[in-house]
Amino acid sequence: MKIPREELEISFSRSSGPGGQNVNKVATRVEVRFHLESAAWIAPATRVRLAALHPRRLNREGEFIMVSSRFRSQGRNIEDCIEKLEGLLE
């Protein structure tokens, strides 16, 4: 499934853990969120399944949140979030 990036809200923050000065200076942690109920690009049955299987990824506003700080660059962490999300949508 192709995820429309314009439907996603992407924000950045500093990662925690080891990494030296890079961790302290660069906002590489990526948080991707979207409102699950209004995501018309996801089939209704898939939205129900996501909410049931991943309740901790939903906040009080009904936003589904995916986070990555696996890599030392924003770009790779964005791609990691998108890939994880695509995996959940299959």
C-alpha atoms as a PDB file:
ATOM      1  CA  MET A   1       0.000   0.000   0.000  1.00  0.00           C
ATOM      2  CA  LYS A   2       1.269   3.458  -0.904  1.00  0.00           C
ATOM      3  CA  ILE A   3       0.995   5.832   2.033  1.00  0.00           C
ATOM      4  CA  PRO A   4       0.230   9.445   1.041  1.00  0.00           C
ATOM      5  CA  ARG A   5       2.877  11.464   2.873  1.00  0.00           C
ATOM      6  CA  GLU A   6       0.775  14.611   2.732  1.00  0.00           C
ATOM      7  CA  GLU A   7      -1.671  12.842   5.096  1.00  0.00           C
ATOM      8  CA  LEU A   8       1.052  12.309   7.713  1.00  0.00           C
ATOM      9  CA  GLU A   9       2.212  14.761  10.349  1.00  0.00           C
ATOM     10  CA  ILE A  10       5.956  14.339  10.837  1.00  0.00           C
ATOM     11  CA  SER A  11       7.841  15.833  13.775  1.00  0.00           C
ATOM     12  CA  PHE A  12      11.418  15.595  15.005  1.00  0.00           C
ATOM     13  CA  SER A  13      13.131  15.571  18.378  1.00  0.00           C
ATOM     14  CA  ARG A  14      16.438  14.542  19.866  1.00  0.00           C
ATOM     15  CA  SER A  15      17.059  10.828  20.304  1.00  0.00           C
ATOM     16  CA  SER A  16      18.082   9.319  23.595  1.00  0.00           C
ATOM     17  CA  GLY A  17      20.781   6.767  24.250  1.00  0.00           C
ATOM     18  CA  PRO A  18      24.331   6.415  22.958  1.00  0.00           C
ATOM     19  CA  GLY A  19      25.562   8.346  19.958  1.00  0.00           C
ATOM     20  CA  GLY A  20      27.922  10.983  21.259  1.00  0.00           C
ATOM     21  CA  GLN A  21      27.575  14.592  20.229  1.00  0.00           C
ATOM     22  CA  ASN A  22      25.227  13.742  17.355  1.00  0.00           C
ATOM     23  CA  VAL A  23      22.499  12.724  19.824  1.00  0.00           C
ATOM     24  CA  ASN A  24      22.881  15.951  21.790  1.00  0.00           C
ATOM     25  CA  LYS A  25      22.826  18.321  18.794  1.00  0.00           C
ATOM     26  CA  VAL A  26      20.689  16.853  16.023  1.00  0.00           C
ATOM     27  CA  ALA A  27      16.944  16.106  16.116  1.00  0.00           C
ATOM     28  CA  THR A  28      16.989  12.678  14.468  1.00  0.00           C
ATOM     29  CA  ARG A  29      14.117  10.984  16.330  1.00  0.00           C
ATOM     30  CA  VAL A  30      11.071  10.921  14.049  1.00  0.00           C
ATOM     31  CA  GLU A  31       7.431  10.746  15.054  1.00  0.00           C
ATOM     32  CA  VAL A  32       4.861  10.105  12.322  1.00  0.00           C
ATOM     33  CA  ARG A  33       1.199  10.527  13.212  1.00  0.00           C
ATOM     34  CA  PHE A  34      -2.173  10.614  11.494  1.00  0.00           C
ATOM     35  CA  HIS A  35      -5.783  10.580  12.638  1.00  0.00           C
ATOM     36  CA  LEU A  36      -6.842   6.952  12.240  1.00  0.00           C
ATOM     37  CA  GLU A  37     -10.605   7.410  11.860  1.00  0.00           C
ATOM     38  CA  SER A  38     -10.297  10.059   9.144  1.00  0.00           C
ATOM     39  CA  ALA A  39      -7.601   8.207   7.155  1.00  0.00           C
ATOM     40  CA  ALA A  40      -9.657   7.519   4.019  1.00  0.00           C
ATOM     41  CA  TRP A  41      -6.605   5.908   2.377  1.00  0.00           C
ATOM     42  CA  ILE A  42      -6.899   2.983   4.832  1.00  0.00           C
ATOM     43  CA  ALA A  43      -9.733   0.464   4.439  1.00  0.00           C
ATOM     44  CA  PRO A  44     -12.282   0.581   7.284  1.00  0.00           C
ATOM     45  CA  ALA A  45     -11.569  -3.025   8.311  1.00  0.00           C
ATOM     46  CA  THR A  46      -7.842  -2.258   8.473  1.00  0.00           C
ATOM     47  CA  ARG A  47      -8.477   0.812  10.654  1.00  0.00           C
ATOM     48  CA  VAL A  48     -10.468  -1.342  13.091  1.00  0.00           C
ATOM     49  CA  ARG A  49      -7.715  -3.986  13.095  1.00  0.00           C
ATOM     50  CA  LEU A  50      -4.988  -1.391  13.742  1.00  0.00           C
ATOM     51  CA  ALA A  51      -6.907   0.092  16.659  1.00  0.00           C
ATOM     52  CA  ALA A  52      -7.550  -3.342  18.164  1.00  0.00           C
ATOM     53  CA  LEU A  53      -4.034  -4.748  17.717  1.00  0.00           C
ATOM     54  CA  HIS A  54      -2.054  -1.589  18.562  1.00  0.00           C
ATOM     55  CA  PRO A  55      -3.993   0.389  21.193  1.00  0.00           C
ATOM     56  CA  ARG A  56      -0.792   1.840  22.694  1.00  0.00           C
ATOM     57  CA  ARG A  57      -0.005   3.559  19.407  1.00  0.00           C
ATOM     58  CA  LEU A  58      -3.253   5.554  19.638  1.00  0.00           C
ATOM     59  CA  ASN A  59      -3.441   8.737  21.677  1.00  0.00           C
ATOM     60  CA  ARG A  60      -6.558  10.303  23.215  1.00  0.00           C
ATOM     61  CA  GLU A  61      -7.201  12.345  20.074  1.00  0.00           C
ATOM     62  CA  GLY A  62      -7.355   9.162  17.979  1.00  0.00           C
ATOM     63  CA  GLU A  63      -4.001   9.726  16.302  1.00  0.00           C
ATOM     64  CA  PHE A  64      -1.950   6.674  15.375  1.00  0.00           C
ATOM     65  CA  ILE A  65       1.706   7.311  16.235  1.00  0.00           C
ATOM     66  CA  MET A  66       4.806   5.592  14.859  1.00  0.00           C
ATOM     67  CA  VAL A  67       8.260   6.495  16.221  1.00  0.00           C
ATOM     68  CA  SER A  68      11.794   5.729  15.052  1.00  0.00           C
ATOM     69  CA  SER A  69      15.176   6.698  16.441  1.00  0.00           C
ATOM     70  CA  ARG A  70      16.966   3.660  15.060  1.00  0.00           C
ATOM     71  CA  PHE A  71      19.264   5.576  12.716  1.00  0.00           C
ATOM     72  CA  ARG A  72      21.431   8.671  13.084  1.00  0.00           C
ATOM     73  CA  SER A  73      19.676  10.601  10.314  1.00  0.00           C
ATOM     74  CA  GLN A  74      16.182  12.048  10.019  1.00  0.00           C
ATOM     75  CA  GLY A  75      15.748  10.749   6.490  1.00  0.00           C
ATOM     76  CA  ARG A  76      16.466   7.142   7.392  1.00  0.00           C
ATOM     77  CA  ASN A  77      14.224   7.355  10.455  1.00  0.00           C
ATOM     78  CA  ILE A  78      11.363   8.757   8.344  1.00  0.00           C
ATOM     79  CA  GLU A  79      11.749   5.856   5.933  1.00  0.00           C
ATOM     80  CA  ASP A  80      11.897   3.434   8.880  1.00  0.00           C
ATOM     81  CA  CYS A  81       8.591   4.789  10.236  1.00  0.00           C
ATOM     82  CA  ILE A  82       6.947   4.565   6.819  1.00  0.00           C
ATOM     83  CA  GLU A  83       8.207   0.992   6.311  1.00  0.00           C
ATOM     84  CA  LYS A  84       6.936  -0.052   9.756  1.00  0.00           C
ATOM     85  CA  LEU A  85       3.562   1.515   9.004  1.00  0.00           C
ATOM     86  CA  GLU A  86       3.380  -0.197   5.605  1.00  0.00           C
ATOM     87  CA  GLY A  87       4.127  -3.504   7.333  1.00  0.00           C
ATOM     88  CA  LEU A  88       1.217  -2.995   9.729  1.00  0.00           C
ATOM     89  CA  LEU A  89      -1.140  -2.123   6.879  1.00  0.00           C
ATOM     90  CA  GLU A  90      -0.462  -5.295   4.883  1.00  0.00           C
END
